[in-house]
Amino acid sequence: MSSPSAETARRWHARNARASRVALALILCLAPIVAVAQSANTGAGGDPRTSVAQPEVSGKPSAVATTSIQSVLGDAADPTGLRRFLSDHGVVLSFNAIADILGDTSGGTRRTATVLGRLDMQLDADLDRLAGWHGAAFRVEAFQINGAGLSRAAVNDLAVVSELEALPSTRLYELWVEQQFLDGQLGIKLGQVAADTEFLVSQTATLFINSTFGWPTITGTNLPSGGPAYPFGAPAVRAKYLPTPNLSFQVGLFDGVPAGAARPWNDPDPQRRDRTGTNFRLSDPAFVIAEVAYAYNFEERSRTGAVLDEPGTVTFGGWHHFGRFDSLRFDDTGRSLADPASTGNPRRFRGDDGLYAMIDQTVYREPGKEDEGASAFVRAMASPGDRNLVDLYLDAGIGYRGLLPGRSNDTAGIAVSYARISPSARGFDRDTILETGVAMPRRRFEALVEATYQAVLGPGVTVQPNLQYVFHPGGNIPDPRDALGRRIKDATVVGMRATLTY
């Protein structure tokens, strides 16, 4: 007879399997009427496109799909005319199916491979065309997530190996209405919103598979529930003002604990505290994020070949969380938490902050080609070291579209990231060693190198081999499977992604 926990797990997986079959059947039925909004001049996050190496397909929520399999289907894409009817009335239904096969070939906590899949379903409506509501738009987006994540299973890194990784579920991601004012210069969005669709977005970085090149490790690690970012949205209001096509200001006010706080009586995992994305919390401390971005040289015109003449975007921003945060080293009397005489109650801080800057820059364009060449990005972010696990984060990378002859739509890239463990966390490790006399790894940093190549097999269809090497997984933490408590070894991850966009 199976145990109660085994039976619960069996029922949970059975429910998700049924949900997967229902979702797949729905997609297969609706496929002929699906359309994807395309814009060759739109960059990830909705800003002007300034990265020539922006990929055609990406798993990042902020990315823009620039091709769809519908273009090769001809009349078969709309045999009943329903797609055209919906489009004429301002309704666009789309989906993006992504599957990752990933393996830990060395390091980490064990050798294993996982298969992970996500079906992204979106419905967008122009409310002016649909209902006569001038300047208004509506979106609902949901995910059907299946499989197991390699970071949880083997790598134990802070920078999650795949941006798809989440617990199996069918969950709501975004649900909002946006109203335009001032002839489209000002947009106010209200509803359930994800911050990673618009803030901290690098167009070039959407090529890469690791999650840190979307929503960075520093925010995903330090913020409650990982912040209002995949797989969570949160009740929010966002305002974006564009005084000119080159310049944008935006600010978002979010519920700061999307899944709700961990309590002794509930699950410590935020994804289990909010399994469906429908908690709609409104009473938690707020999270505010704001940024200003300036795009230059993005107009279509003759290029001189100089880097300064190529398009780019520079962005500055910051965030503040109004909640309370625990010290990682000291108790409420100022004594080390590693001291046996400690009260065990961490010192509490009011609020938390972060500042960031980034640049996306096209650095080279193939002669006579507008859509082939190289782009680079650099991002830097910092937070207080007394209340956060990560206090400094850096990443950078370069992508090249059309690197190989005859493969003008393919994109190759290499990127690196660095997350420094804060002084308070490092100090706690030192205190623990001194108090216990037991040798143990001391946390320092986690770093990552990723190389990838996205091959476009046809409109909306790609495959993407991927190689990642993780230095000091978890920041240099002990391996839970090692009886001697030695650190988790540097991990090598290899994988393959397949995508279908419709």
Protein backbone atom coordinates (compact mmCIF):
# COMPACT_ATOMS: atom_id res chain seq x y z
CA MET A 1 0.00 0.00 0.00
CA SER A 2 1.37 3.44 -0.87
CA SER A 3 2.03 5.99 1.86
CA PRO A 4 -0.26 9.07 2.23
CA SER A 5 2.54 11.32 0.95
CA ALA A 6 3.15 9.06 -2.06
CA GLU A 7 -0.59 8.96 -2.79
CA THR A 8 -0.78 12.77 -2.54
CA ALA A 9 2.15 13.09 -4.94
CA ARG A 10 0.52 10.60 -7.33
CA ARG A 11 -2.74 12.56 -7.34
CA TRP A 12 -0.85 15.87 -7.81
CA HIS A 13 1.02 14.57 -10.84
CA ALA A 14 -2.16 12.99 -12.23
CA ARG A 15 -3.99 16.34 -11.99
CA ASN A 16 -1.15 18.09 -13.81
CA ALA A 17 -1.07 15.38 -16.47
CA ARG A 18 -4.81 15.84 -17.05
CA ALA A 19 -4.36 19.61 -17.18
CA SER A 20 -1.58 19.18 -19.72
CA ARG A 21 -3.78 17.02 -21.95
CA VAL A 22 -6.66 19.50 -21.72
CA ALA A 23 -4.36 22.44 -22.50
CA LEU A 24 -2.81 20.60 -25.44
CA ALA A 25 -6.21 19.64 -26.81
CA LEU A 26 -7.36 23.24 -26.51
CA ILE A 27 -4.32 24.49 -28.37
CA LEU A 28 -4.71 21.93 -31.13
CA CYS A 29 -8.33 22.98 -31.56
CA LEU A 30 -7.49 26.69 -31.57
CA ALA A 31 -4.29 26.49 -33.60
CA PRO A 32 -5.93 27.53 -36.88
CA ILE A 33 -7.16 30.77 -35.33
CA VAL A 34 -3.98 31.77 -33.51
CA ALA A 35 -1.92 34.82 -34.42
CA VAL A 36 1.17 36.43 -32.95
CA ALA A 37 1.60 40.17 -32.88
CA GLN A 38 4.82 40.92 -34.77
CA SER A 39 6.96 44.01 -35.00
CA ALA A 40 10.49 43.95 -36.36
CA ASN A 41 11.21 47.31 -34.74
CA THR A 42 10.05 46.35 -31.24
CA GLY A 43 12.61 45.35 -28.64
CA ALA A 44 12.21 43.10 -25.64
CA GLY A 45 10.17 44.86 -22.97
CA GLY A 46 8.32 46.91 -25.60
CA ASP A 47 11.01 49.55 -26.12
CA PRO A 48 12.49 50.41 -29.54
CA ARG A 49 14.65 47.61 -30.91
CA THR A 50 18.32 48.52 -30.57
CA SER A 51 19.89 45.04 -30.49
CA VAL A 52 20.61 43.55 -33.90
CA ALA A 53 21.22 40.23 -32.09
CA GLN A 54 17.80 40.06 -30.44
CA PRO A 55 16.69 36.44 -31.01
CA GLU A 56 13.61 35.52 -33.00
CA VAL A 57 12.23 33.31 -30.21
CA SER A 58 12.91 33.38 -26.47
CA GLY A 59 11.62 31.87 -23.25
CA LYS A 60 11.99 35.21 -21.43
CA PRO A 61 8.59 36.73 -20.57
CA SER A 62 9.80 40.15 -21.74
CA ALA A 63 10.84 38.98 -25.21
CA VAL A 64 9.10 39.63 -28.52
CA ALA A 65 8.47 36.78 -30.96
CA THR A 66 9.32 37.99 -34.47
CA THR A 67 8.30 34.88 -36.41
CA SER A 68 5.41 32.43 -36.32
CA ILE A 69 4.74 29.07 -37.93
CA GLN A 70 1.44 30.47 -39.18
CA SER A 71 3.27 32.18 -42.06
CA VAL A 72 4.01 28.82 -43.73
CA LEU A 73 0.52 27.36 -43.34
CA GLY A 74 -1.21 29.59 -45.87
CA ASP A 75 -4.97 29.10 -45.98
CA ALA A 76 -4.65 26.22 -43.52
CA ALA A 77 -3.87 28.77 -40.81
CA ASP A 78 -7.46 30.00 -40.95
CA PRO A 79 -9.71 27.45 -42.68
CA THR A 80 -12.91 28.76 -41.07
CA GLY A 81 -12.08 32.46 -41.25
CA LEU A 82 -12.40 32.69 -37.47
CA ARG A 83 -8.84 33.99 -37.01
CA ARG A 84 -9.52 36.84 -39.41
CA PHE A 85 -12.83 37.55 -37.66
CA LEU A 86 -11.16 37.74 -34.25
CA SER A 87 -8.32 39.87 -35.61
CA ASP A 88 -10.79 42.28 -37.24
CA HIS A 89 -12.39 42.70 -33.84
CA GLY A 90 -9.07 43.30 -32.09
CA VAL A 91 -8.56 39.88 -30.44
CA VAL A 92 -5.28 37.98 -30.83
CA LEU A 93 -4.71 34.55 -29.32
CA SER A 94 -1.18 33.18 -29.34
CA PHE A 95 0.97 30.49 -27.81
CA ASN A 96 4.61 29.59 -27.43
CA ALA A 97 5.59 25.99 -26.65
CA ILE A 98 9.11 25.44 -25.26
CA ALA A 99 10.85 22.24 -24.15
CA ASP A 100 14.27 21.90 -22.50
CA ILE A 101 16.37 18.76 -22.12
CA LEU A 102 19.15 19.53 -19.62
CA GLY A 103 21.82 17.38 -18.03
CA ASP A 104 24.32 17.85 -15.22
CA THR A 105 27.39 16.13 -16.66
CA SER A 106 29.83 17.04 -13.87
CA GLY A 107 29.73 18.76 -10.50
CA GLY A 108 26.56 19.75 -8.71
CA THR A 109 25.11 17.24 -6.28
CA ARG A 110 24.55 14.36 -8.72
CA ARG A 111 24.67 13.34 -12.39
CA THR A 112 21.17 13.48 -13.83
CA ALA A 113 19.09 14.84 -16.69
CA THR A 114 15.68 16.48 -16.71
CA VAL A 115 13.00 17.39 -19.23
CA LEU A 116 11.10 20.62 -18.69
CA GLY A 117 8.30 22.12 -20.76
CA ARG A 118 6.16 25.24 -20.76
CA LEU A 119 3.16 26.24 -22.81
CA ASP A 120 2.63 30.01 -22.79
CA MET A 121 -0.92 31.06 -23.73
CA GLN A 122 -1.82 34.71 -24.31
CA LEU A 123 -4.98 36.55 -25.23
CA ASP A 124 -4.60 40.20 -26.23
CA ALA A 125 -7.54 42.47 -27.00
CA ASP A 126 -7.65 45.96 -28.47
CA LEU A 127 -10.64 47.23 -26.50
CA ASP A 128 -11.15 50.12 -28.90
CA ARG A 129 -11.85 47.77 -31.81
CA LEU A 130 -13.61 45.20 -29.64
CA ALA A 131 -15.81 47.41 -27.46
CA GLY A 132 -15.26 51.04 -28.47
CA TRP A 133 -13.10 51.75 -25.40
CA HIS A 134 -10.64 54.21 -26.89
CA GLY A 135 -6.96 53.75 -26.03
CA ALA A 136 -7.47 50.63 -23.91
CA ALA A 137 -5.92 47.16 -24.17
CA PHE A 138 -6.41 43.91 -22.25
CA ARG A 139 -4.16 40.91 -21.71
CA VAL A 140 -4.46 37.58 -19.97
CA GLU A 141 -1.52 35.18 -19.98
CA ALA A 142 -1.23 31.73 -18.43
CA PHE A 143 1.40 28.99 -18.27
CA GLN A 144 1.15 25.23 -18.28
CA ILE A 145 4.43 23.99 -16.78
CA ASN A 146 5.57 20.36 -16.79
CA GLY A 147 8.66 18.38 -15.91
CA ALA A 148 11.49 18.83 -13.44
CA GLY A 149 14.03 21.61 -13.11
CA LEU A 150 17.73 20.79 -13.10
CA SER A 151 18.64 23.46 -10.53
CA ARG A 152 16.35 21.88 -7.94
CA ALA A 153 17.33 18.35 -8.93
CA ALA A 154 21.11 18.62 -9.15
CA VAL A 155 22.87 21.98 -9.52
CA ASN A 156 21.53 23.89 -6.48
CA ASP A 157 22.59 27.21 -7.99
CA LEU A 158 21.19 30.67 -7.35
CA ALA A 159 21.12 31.51 -11.08
CA VAL A 160 18.52 28.95 -12.14
CA VAL A 161 19.72 26.93 -15.15
CA SER A 162 16.55 27.48 -17.22
CA GLU A 163 14.13 30.41 -17.13
CA LEU A 164 11.35 27.83 -17.61
CA GLU A 165 12.08 26.15 -14.28
CA ALA A 166 9.13 26.13 -11.91
CA LEU A 167 7.05 23.49 -10.17
CA PRO A 168 4.57 21.66 -12.44
CA SER A 169 1.38 23.70 -12.51
CA THR A 170 -1.19 25.51 -14.59
CA ARG A 171 -1.00 29.10 -13.42
CA LEU A 172 -2.11 32.60 -14.24
CA TYR A 173 0.76 34.95 -14.95
CA GLU A 174 -0.67 38.31 -16.02
CA LEU A 175 -4.18 39.78 -16.16
CA TRP A 176 -4.40 43.51 -16.78
CA VAL A 177 -5.99 46.46 -18.54
CA GLU A 178 -3.88 49.33 -19.90
CA GLN A 179 -5.23 52.77 -20.74
CA GLN A 180 -3.36 55.20 -23.00
CA PHE A 181 -3.43 58.96 -22.48
CA LEU A 182 -1.85 61.99 -24.17
CA ASP A 183 -1.99 60.43 -27.65
CA GLY A 184 -0.19 57.34 -26.44
CA GLN A 185 2.61 59.07 -24.55
CA LEU A 186 1.33 57.91 -21.14
CA GLY A 187 0.18 54.38 -20.38
CA ILE A 188 -1.37 53.24 -17.08
CA LYS A 189 -1.56 49.49 -16.54
CA LEU A 190 -3.68 48.00 -13.75
CA GLY A 191 -4.15 44.38 -12.72
CA GLN A 192 -1.88 41.41 -12.14
CA VAL A 193 1.47 42.36 -13.66
CA ALA A 194 4.95 40.78 -13.73
CA ALA A 195 7.88 43.17 -13.26
CA ASP A 196 10.23 41.08 -15.40
CA THR A 197 8.19 41.79 -18.54
CA GLU A 198 9.21 45.47 -18.51
CA PHE A 199 11.89 46.24 -15.92
CA LEU A 200 15.56 45.21 -15.94
CA VAL A 201 15.19 43.97 -19.52
CA SER A 202 18.15 43.54 -21.88
CA GLN A 203 17.17 42.80 -25.47
CA THR A 204 20.40 40.94 -26.24
CA ALA A 205 20.18 38.90 -23.02
CA THR A 206 16.85 37.35 -24.03
CA LEU A 207 18.86 34.94 -26.18
CA PHE A 208 20.27 33.08 -23.18
CA ILE A 209 18.57 30.22 -21.37
CA ASN A 210 19.70 30.79 -17.78
CA SER A 211 17.08 32.70 -15.78
CA THR A 212 19.58 35.25 -14.45
CA PHE A 213 19.80 36.90 -17.88
CA GLY A 214 16.15 37.84 -17.48
CA TRP A 215 15.27 38.57 -13.85
CA PRO A 216 18.77 38.76 -12.26
CA THR A 217 19.93 36.52 -9.44
CA ILE A 218 20.20 39.44 -7.03
CA THR A 219 16.48 40.28 -7.20
CA GLY A 220 15.33 36.67 -7.46
CA THR A 221 17.34 35.77 -4.36
CA ASN A 222 16.81 38.81 -2.14
CA LEU A 223 13.12 39.66 -2.67
CA PRO A 224 10.25 37.81 -0.96
CA SER A 225 8.88 35.07 -3.26
CA GLY A 226 11.67 36.05 -5.67
CA GLY A 227 9.79 39.27 -6.46
CA PRO A 228 6.89 39.81 -8.88
CA ALA A 229 8.60 37.84 -11.64
CA TYR A 230 8.21 34.45 -13.33
CA PRO A 231 6.38 32.34 -12.34
CA PHE A 232 4.59 35.02 -10.29
CA GLY A 233 2.69 38.12 -11.24
CA ALA A 234 1.33 40.42 -8.54
CA PRO A 235 -1.44 43.01 -8.20
CA ALA A 236 0.13 46.22 -9.45
CA VAL A 237 -0.20 49.55 -11.15
CA ARG A 238 2.42 50.59 -13.71
CA ALA A 239 2.82 53.97 -15.37
CA LYS A 240 5.01 54.53 -18.44
CA TYR A 241 5.63 57.95 -19.99
CA LEU A 242 7.33 58.53 -23.33
CA PRO A 243 7.94 62.26 -23.89
CA THR A 244 9.82 61.33 -27.09
CA PRO A 245 10.27 58.03 -28.98
CA ASN A 246 13.84 57.90 -27.60
CA LEU A 247 13.12 58.48 -23.92
CA SER A 248 10.93 56.56 -21.48
CA PHE A 249 10.16 56.79 -17.77
CA GLN A 250 8.32 54.02 -15.98
CA VAL A 251 7.40 53.15 -12.41
CA GLY A 252 5.58 50.16 -10.97
CA LEU A 253 3.89 49.67 -7.59
CA PHE A 254 3.44 45.97 -6.75
CA ASP A 255 2.25 43.87 -3.86
CA GLY A 256 5.64 42.97 -2.41
CA VAL A 257 5.02 39.32 -1.41
CA PRO A 258 3.29 37.67 -4.41
CA ALA A 259 2.90 34.24 -2.78
CA GLY A 260 2.33 35.47 0.76
CA ALA A 261 4.73 35.20 3.68
CA ALA A 262 6.10 31.85 4.86
CA ARG A 263 4.60 30.88 8.22
CA PRO A 264 5.08 27.87 10.53
CA TRP A 265 1.70 26.56 9.34
CA ASN A 266 2.20 26.89 5.58
CA ASP A 267 4.64 25.63 2.96
CA PRO A 268 8.07 27.30 2.88
CA ASP A 269 8.13 27.08 -0.92
CA PRO A 270 6.37 30.15 -2.42
CA GLN A 271 5.34 28.24 -5.54
CA ARG A 272 3.40 25.82 -3.35
CA ARG A 273 1.85 28.67 -1.37
CA ASP A 274 0.43 30.01 -4.62
CA ARG A 275 -0.01 27.01 -6.94
CA THR A 276 -2.27 28.71 -9.49
CA GLY A 277 -1.12 32.34 -9.54
CA THR A 278 -4.48 33.50 -8.24
CA ASN A 279 -3.70 34.59 -4.68
CA PHE A 280 -4.24 38.26 -5.70
CA ARG A 281 -2.68 39.57 -2.51
CA LEU A 282 -3.19 43.25 -1.65
CA SER A 283 -2.22 43.60 2.01
CA ASP A 284 1.54 42.93 1.92
CA PRO A 285 4.27 45.61 2.09
CA ALA A 286 4.70 47.29 -1.28
CA PHE A 287 7.48 46.87 -3.81
CA VAL A 288 8.28 49.90 -6.00
CA ILE A 289 10.57 49.84 -9.03
CA ALA A 290 11.36 52.69 -11.43
CA GLU A 291 13.66 53.21 -14.38
CA VAL A 292 14.54 55.64 -17.14
CA ALA A 293 15.73 54.43 -20.54
CA TYR A 294 17.20 56.32 -23.48
CA ALA A 295 17.37 54.68 -26.93
CA TYR A 296 19.56 56.19 -29.61
CA ASN A 297 20.29 55.64 -33.31
CA PHE A 298 17.38 53.23 -33.67
CA GLU A 299 15.86 54.92 -36.71
CA GLU A 300 16.36 53.01 -39.96
CA ARG A 301 19.09 54.85 -41.91
CA SER A 302 22.47 54.42 -43.51
CA ARG A 303 25.17 53.20 -41.11
CA THR A 304 28.76 54.38 -41.20
CA GLY A 305 30.08 51.23 -39.51
CA ALA A 306 31.26 53.09 -36.40
CA VAL A 307 30.00 51.75 -33.05
CA LEU A 308 28.85 55.22 -32.01
CA ASP A 309 26.54 55.30 -35.02
CA GLU A 310 24.87 52.00 -34.12
CA PRO A 311 21.67 51.74 -32.04
CA GLY A 312 21.75 51.24 -28.30
CA THR A 313 19.79 51.71 -25.09
CA VAL A 314 21.10 52.92 -21.74
CA THR A 315 18.96 52.36 -18.64
CA PHE A 316 19.15 53.45 -15.00
CA GLY A 317 16.77 52.28 -12.29
CA GLY A 318 16.16 51.35 -8.71
CA TRP A 319 13.71 49.65 -6.42
CA HIS A 320 12.53 49.79 -2.79
CA HIS A 321 10.69 47.17 -0.76
CA PHE A 322 8.73 48.45 2.26
CA GLY A 323 8.79 45.18 4.20
CA ARG A 324 11.03 44.07 7.06
CA PHE A 325 14.17 42.06 6.42
CA ASP A 326 16.30 39.89 8.71
CA SER A 327 20.00 40.28 9.36
CA LEU A 328 21.89 37.22 8.15
CA ARG A 329 24.50 37.56 10.90
CA PHE A 330 23.30 39.32 14.07
CA ASP A 331 20.44 38.82 16.51
CA ASP A 332 18.30 41.54 18.06
CA THR A 333 20.91 42.15 20.81
CA GLY A 334 23.84 42.52 18.39
CA ARG A 335 25.23 39.06 19.13
CA SER A 336 26.19 36.70 16.30
CA LEU A 337 23.46 34.26 15.39
CA ALA A 338 26.15 31.56 15.45
CA ASP A 339 26.79 32.22 19.15
CA PRO A 340 25.11 29.58 21.38
CA ALA A 341 24.07 32.44 23.68
CA SER A 342 22.22 34.21 20.84
CA THR A 343 18.50 34.87 21.24
CA GLY A 344 17.99 33.29 17.80
CA ASN A 345 15.89 36.27 16.74
CA PRO A 346 17.58 38.07 13.83
CA ARG A 347 17.95 41.82 13.88
CA ARG A 348 15.20 43.37 11.78
CA PHE A 349 15.69 46.09 9.17
CA ARG A 350 13.07 48.40 7.73
CA GLY A 351 12.94 48.12 3.97
CA ASP A 352 15.36 47.01 1.28
CA ASP A 353 16.75 48.69 -1.83
CA GLY A 354 18.54 48.14 -5.10
CA LEU A 355 20.12 50.31 -7.77
CA TYR A 356 20.98 49.20 -11.30
CA ALA A 357 22.34 50.34 -14.64
CA MET A 358 22.61 48.61 -18.00
CA ILE A 359 23.42 49.16 -21.63
CA ASP A 360 22.39 47.27 -24.76
CA GLN A 361 24.52 48.20 -27.76
CA THR A 362 24.77 46.99 -31.33
CA VAL A 363 28.53 46.87 -31.87
CA TYR A 364 28.80 45.58 -35.44
CA ARG A 365 26.52 45.25 -38.45
CA GLU A 366 27.25 43.07 -41.46
CA PRO A 367 27.93 45.28 -44.51
CA GLY A 368 24.71 46.00 -46.33
CA LYS A 369 22.61 44.11 -43.76
CA GLU A 370 20.20 45.69 -41.29
CA ASP A 371 19.41 42.49 -39.35
CA GLU A 372 22.78 40.77 -39.07
CA GLY A 373 25.62 41.58 -36.74
CA ALA A 374 26.68 41.68 -33.11
CA SER A 375 25.19 43.28 -30.00
CA ALA A 376 26.51 43.39 -26.45
CA PHE A 377 24.96 44.06 -23.04
CA VAL A 378 26.30 44.93 -19.58
CA ARG A 379 24.24 45.13 -16.36
CA ALA A 380 25.25 46.02 -12.81
CA MET A 381 23.13 46.00 -9.64
CA ALA A 382 23.79 46.53 -5.93
CA SER A 383 21.82 46.13 -2.67
CA PRO A 384 22.67 46.61 1.03
CA GLY A 385 25.00 43.94 2.38
CA ASP A 386 23.56 43.80 5.91
CA ARG A 387 20.19 42.27 5.01
CA ASN A 388 20.66 40.49 1.67
CA LEU A 389 22.32 37.25 0.59
CA VAL A 390 23.65 38.89 -2.60
CA ASP A 391 24.91 42.48 -2.44
CA LEU A 392 26.53 42.90 -5.87
CA TYR A 393 25.57 41.50 -9.26
CA LEU A 394 27.19 41.88 -12.68
CA ASP A 395 26.49 40.28 -16.03
CA ALA A 396 27.55 40.84 -19.62
CA GLY A 397 27.33 39.09 -22.95
CA ILE A 398 27.47 39.32 -26.69
CA GLY A 399 25.22 37.89 -29.37
CA TYR A 400 25.81 37.56 -33.10
CA ARG A 401 22.99 37.14 -35.58
CA GLY A 402 23.99 35.63 -38.94
CA LEU A 403 27.41 34.42 -37.77
CA LEU A 404 27.51 31.42 -40.10
CA PRO A 405 27.23 31.78 -43.89
CA GLY A 406 23.74 30.98 -45.13
CA ARG A 407 22.26 31.11 -41.60
CA SER A 408 21.14 34.74 -41.47
CA ASN A 409 18.39 34.18 -38.87
CA ASP A 410 20.45 32.12 -36.42
CA THR A 411 21.88 33.78 -33.31
CA ALA A 412 24.97 32.71 -31.36
CA GLY A 413 25.99 34.11 -28.00
CA ILE A 414 28.12 33.89 -24.90
CA ALA A 415 27.39 35.53 -21.55
CA VAL A 416 28.75 35.62 -18.01
CA SER A 417 27.29 36.54 -14.63
CA TYR A 418 28.69 37.16 -11.15
CA ALA A 419 26.76 37.30 -7.86
CA ARG A 420 28.75 38.25 -4.75
CA ILE A 421 27.65 36.86 -1.40
CA SER A 422 27.13 39.72 1.06
CA PRO A 423 29.45 40.54 4.01
CA SER A 424 26.74 39.56 6.51
CA ALA A 425 26.38 36.05 5.05
CA ARG A 426 30.15 35.59 4.80
CA GLY A 427 30.53 36.86 8.37
CA PHE A 428 27.98 34.34 9.64
CA ASP A 429 29.98 31.53 8.02
CA ARG A 430 33.16 32.73 9.76
CA ASP A 431 31.35 32.99 13.10
CA THR A 432 29.96 29.47 12.73
CA ILE A 433 33.41 28.01 12.05
CA LEU A 434 34.87 29.83 15.06
CA GLU A 435 32.05 28.81 17.39
CA THR A 436 31.83 25.16 16.34
CA GLY A 437 35.42 24.47 15.36
CA VAL A 438 34.05 22.48 12.43
CA ALA A 439 35.57 23.11 9.03
CA MET A 440 32.93 24.04 6.45
CA PRO A 441 32.81 25.84 3.10
CA ARG A 442 32.54 29.61 3.33
CA ARG A 443 30.25 31.32 0.88
CA ARG A 444 31.91 33.82 -1.46
CA PHE A 445 30.27 34.17 -4.87
CA GLU A 446 28.53 32.34 -7.65
CA ALA A 447 29.55 32.84 -11.28
CA LEU A 448 28.27 31.48 -14.56
CA VAL A 449 29.35 31.17 -18.18
CA GLU A 450 26.78 30.29 -20.85
CA ALA A 451 27.29 29.65 -24.56
CA THR A 452 24.36 29.00 -26.88
CA TYR A 453 23.31 28.90 -30.52
CA GLN A 454 19.71 29.41 -31.66
CA ALA A 455 19.09 27.77 -35.04
CA VAL A 456 15.92 28.80 -36.86
CA LEU A 457 14.56 25.76 -38.69
CA GLY A 458 11.61 27.65 -40.12
CA PRO A 459 9.27 30.51 -39.18
CA GLY A 460 8.47 30.10 -35.49
CA VAL A 461 10.49 26.88 -35.06
CA THR A 462 13.94 26.80 -33.42
CA VAL A 463 16.36 24.46 -31.73
CA GLN A 464 18.98 25.79 -29.35
CA PRO A 465 21.94 23.78 -27.98
CA ASN A 466 23.30 25.22 -24.77
CA LEU A 467 26.35 24.84 -22.53
CA GLN A 468 26.67 26.32 -19.03
CA TYR A 469 29.41 26.17 -16.41
CA VAL A 470 28.52 27.20 -12.85
CA PHE A 471 31.29 28.24 -10.45
CA HIS A 472 30.51 27.78 -6.72
CA PRO A 473 26.85 26.69 -7.00
CA GLY A 474 24.77 28.36 -4.31
CA GLY A 475 27.67 30.69 -3.57
CA ASN A 476 29.94 27.86 -2.33
CA ILE A 477 27.58 26.00 -0.02
CA PRO A 478 28.05 22.51 1.45
CA ASP A 479 26.88 19.58 -0.65
CA PRO A 480 23.87 18.03 1.17
CA ARG A 481 24.82 14.64 -0.31
CA ASP A 482 28.43 14.76 0.90
CA ALA A 483 28.94 13.08 4.28
CA LEU A 484 32.06 15.22 4.90
CA GLY A 485 30.23 18.48 4.22
CA ARG A 486 32.44 19.53 1.32
CA ARG A 487 31.21 22.25 -1.02
CA ILE A 488 29.12 21.55 -4.10
CA LYS A 489 31.51 21.15 -6.99
CA ASP A 490 31.45 23.44 -10.00
CA ALA A 491 28.79 22.15 -12.40
CA THR A 492 28.76 21.60 -16.15
CA VAL A 493 25.31 21.68 -17.76
CA VAL A 494 24.54 20.74 -21.35
CA GLY A 495 21.16 20.96 -22.96
CA MET A 496 18.93 21.43 -25.95
CA ARG A 497 15.88 23.65 -26.31
CA ALA A 498 13.11 23.37 -28.91
CA THR A 499 10.47 26.05 -29.46
CA LEU A 500 7.30 26.43 -31.51
CA THR A 501 5.67 29.85 -31.78
CA TYR A 502 2.17 30.32 -33.19
